[in-house]
């Protein structure tokens, strides 16, 4: 029977916790990255982003701020999002397809589409803010109230606002 010296055991026990800790950190980081970059999770983010953009579009349309170009862009984005969501959900039905999709860069396609939708929404918000600022008969307090839906344009009077 081989004899293991105390020196070898103490060396092993002192090195083992560090290696286990490093391995645990690496596995945790990898799992977190995979979760956040998973196409199925990003599909949910994309759907939320297009919903917010559509709400912003409807608000701006009610204010009369939009042109045909914004309507066309929204239609293009809606079709693009629909196609991407459908394909991603279809590929998620089997783990082989989901893995292949992940390795082929579906994540980056989804991230790019999310970015396009958010940029579209931001451009509409900029137009809304510009319109609010350019109305000469409003003071800064009225802009504050209109953003919260308390101004006269939204059916409420300013008497409902803060004193």
Protein backbone atom coordinates (compact mmCIF):
# COMPACT_ATOMS: atom_id res chain seq x y z
CA UNK A 1 0.00 0.00 0.00
CA UNK A 2 1.49 3.34 -0.99
CA UNK A 3 2.24 5.78 1.75
CA UNK A 4 1.11 9.41 1.22
CA UNK A 5 3.07 11.91 3.18
CA UNK A 6 1.42 14.65 5.21
CA UNK A 7 3.14 17.24 3.08
CA UNK A 8 1.36 16.06 -0.09
CA UNK A 9 -2.02 16.07 1.67
CA UNK A 10 -1.60 19.60 3.03
CA UNK A 11 -0.49 20.85 -0.40
CA UNK A 12 -3.51 19.24 -2.04
CA UNK A 13 -5.98 20.62 0.51
CA UNK A 14 -4.59 24.13 0.31
CA UNK A 15 -4.71 24.19 -3.50
CA UNK A 16 -8.07 22.45 -3.89
CA UNK A 17 -10.33 25.20 -2.53
CA UNK A 18 -8.76 27.81 -4.82
CA UNK A 19 -9.20 25.59 -7.86
CA UNK A 20 -12.77 24.73 -6.92
CA UNK A 21 -13.56 28.41 -6.35
CA UNK A 22 -12.09 29.41 -9.73
CA UNK A 23 -13.98 26.61 -11.47
CA UNK A 24 -17.21 27.67 -9.75
CA UNK A 25 -16.72 31.30 -10.82
CA UNK A 26 -16.00 30.28 -14.42
CA UNK A 27 -19.09 28.05 -14.57
CA UNK A 28 -21.26 30.80 -13.05
CA UNK A 29 -20.02 33.42 -15.50
CA UNK A 30 -20.52 31.06 -18.45
CA UNK A 31 -24.07 30.20 -17.34
CA UNK A 32 -24.92 33.88 -16.88
CA UNK A 33 -23.61 34.78 -20.33
CA UNK A 34 -25.50 31.91 -21.95
CA UNK A 35 -28.72 32.90 -20.18
CA UNK A 36 -28.49 36.58 -21.14
CA UNK A 37 -27.49 35.80 -24.72
CA UNK A 38 -30.07 33.05 -25.23
CA UNK A 39 -32.25 33.69 -28.28
CA UNK A 40 -35.45 32.79 -26.43
CA UNK A 41 -34.81 35.39 -23.74
CA UNK A 42 -33.88 37.98 -26.36
CA UNK A 43 -37.13 37.28 -28.24
CA UNK A 44 -39.00 38.43 -25.11
CA UNK A 45 -36.87 41.58 -24.98
CA UNK A 46 -37.54 42.21 -28.68
CA UNK A 47 -41.31 41.80 -28.26
CA UNK A 48 -41.28 44.21 -25.33
CA UNK A 49 -39.23 46.73 -27.33
CA UNK A 50 -41.58 46.64 -30.34
CA UNK A 51 -44.61 47.00 -28.05
CA UNK A 52 -43.09 50.10 -26.43
CA UNK A 53 -42.20 51.53 -29.85
CA UNK A 54 -45.77 50.98 -31.06
CA UNK A 55 -47.16 52.77 -27.98
CA UNK A 56 -44.81 55.69 -28.56
CA UNK A 57 -45.83 55.74 -32.23
CA UNK A 58 -49.54 55.86 -31.33
CA UNK A 59 -48.94 58.74 -28.87
CA UNK A 60 -46.95 60.71 -31.45
CA UNK A 61 -49.56 59.97 -34.12
CA UNK A 62 -52.22 61.41 -31.79
CA UNK A 63 -50.14 64.56 -31.50
CA UNK A 64 -49.86 64.78 -35.30
CA UNK A 65 -46.07 64.51 -35.33
CA UNK A 66 -45.53 61.63 -37.72
CA UNK A 67 -44.91 61.52 -41.43
CA UNK A 68 -45.31 58.70 -43.93
CA UNK A 69 -41.66 57.72 -43.43
CA UNK A 70 -42.21 56.83 -39.76
CA UNK A 71 -45.31 54.79 -40.63
CA UNK A 72 -43.35 52.95 -43.32
CA UNK A 73 -40.47 52.33 -40.92
CA UNK A 74 -42.83 50.95 -38.27
CA UNK A 75 -44.38 48.59 -40.81
CA UNK A 76 -40.95 47.35 -41.89
CA UNK A 77 -39.86 46.85 -38.29
CA UNK A 78 -43.07 44.98 -37.42
CA UNK A 79 -42.59 42.58 -40.34
CA UNK A 80 -38.93 42.07 -39.50
CA UNK A 81 -39.66 41.43 -35.82
CA UNK A 82 -42.46 39.03 -36.69
CA UNK A 83 -40.21 36.99 -39.01
CA UNK A 84 -37.35 36.87 -36.50
CA UNK A 85 -39.63 35.88 -33.61
CA UNK A 86 -41.32 33.17 -35.66
CA UNK A 87 -38.04 31.65 -36.84
CA UNK A 88 -36.48 31.80 -33.37
CA UNK A 89 -39.50 30.17 -31.73
CA UNK A 90 -39.62 27.50 -34.42
CA UNK A 91 -35.93 26.69 -33.93
CA UNK A 92 -36.36 26.53 -30.17
CA UNK A 93 -38.55 23.43 -30.47
CA UNK A 94 -35.49 21.16 -30.52
CA UNK A 95 -32.32 21.66 -28.57
CA UNK A 96 -30.17 20.82 -31.62
CA UNK A 97 -31.78 23.60 -33.65
CA UNK A 98 -31.53 26.01 -30.73
CA UNK A 99 -27.84 25.23 -30.26
CA UNK A 100 -27.13 25.55 -34.01
CA UNK A 101 -29.03 28.86 -34.07
CA UNK A 102 -27.03 30.14 -31.10
CA UNK A 103 -23.72 29.12 -32.67
CA UNK A 104 -24.67 30.66 -36.04
CA UNK A 105 -25.15 34.07 -34.43
CA UNK A 106 -28.92 34.39 -33.97
CA UNK A 107 -28.14 36.27 -30.78
CA UNK A 108 -26.45 39.06 -32.72
CA UNK A 109 -29.35 39.24 -35.19
CA UNK A 110 -31.74 39.66 -32.28
CA UNK A 111 -29.54 42.28 -30.59
CA UNK A 112 -29.29 44.26 -33.84
CA UNK A 113 -33.07 44.17 -34.30
CA UNK A 114 -33.65 45.24 -30.69
CA UNK A 115 -31.29 48.15 -31.29
CA UNK A 116 -33.13 49.20 -34.48
CA UNK A 117 -36.49 49.15 -32.69
CA UNK A 118 -35.12 51.19 -29.79
CA UNK A 119 -33.56 53.74 -32.16
CA UNK A 120 -36.91 54.10 -33.94
CA UNK A 121 -38.65 54.70 -30.61
CA UNK A 122 -35.97 57.21 -29.57
CA UNK A 123 -36.40 59.21 -32.81
CA UNK A 124 -40.14 59.48 -32.15
CA UNK A 125 -39.52 60.54 -28.53
CA UNK A 126 -37.12 63.22 -29.76
CA UNK A 127 -39.82 64.53 -32.10
CA UNK A 128 -42.32 64.61 -29.25
CA UNK A 129 -39.93 66.51 -26.98
CA UNK A 130 -39.10 68.95 -29.75
CA UNK A 131 -42.80 69.57 -30.34
CA UNK A 132 -43.43 70.16 -26.64
CA UNK A 133 -40.56 72.64 -26.45
CA UNK A 134 -41.49 74.48 -29.61
CA UNK A 135 -45.03 75.32 -28.59
CA UNK A 136 -44.57 78.95 -27.63
CA UNK A 137 -47.61 79.31 -25.39
CA UNK A 138 -46.44 76.67 -22.92
CA UNK A 139 -44.26 77.36 -19.96
CA UNK A 140 -41.97 74.67 -18.46
CA UNK A 141 -44.60 73.71 -15.88
CA UNK A 142 -47.16 73.03 -18.59
CA UNK A 143 -44.68 70.75 -20.38
CA UNK A 144 -44.16 68.87 -17.10
CA UNK A 145 -47.91 68.38 -16.73
CA UNK A 146 -48.45 67.38 -20.37
CA UNK A 147 -45.80 64.65 -20.14
CA UNK A 148 -47.80 63.09 -17.36
CA UNK A 149 -51.14 63.36 -19.18
CA UNK A 150 -52.52 66.14 -16.98
CA UNK A 151 -52.52 68.92 -19.54
CA UNK A 152 -55.59 70.14 -21.43
CA UNK A 153 -54.65 68.19 -24.56
CA UNK A 154 -55.18 64.91 -22.70
CA UNK A 155 -58.59 65.77 -21.31
CA UNK A 156 -57.45 66.84 -17.86
CA UNK A 157 -57.10 70.36 -16.64
CA UNK A 158 -54.02 71.77 -15.03
CA UNK A 159 -55.99 72.14 -11.83
CA UNK A 160 -55.47 68.41 -11.28
CA UNK A 161 -51.72 68.93 -11.30
CA UNK A 162 -49.34 69.77 -8.52
CA UNK A 163 -49.78 73.08 -6.73
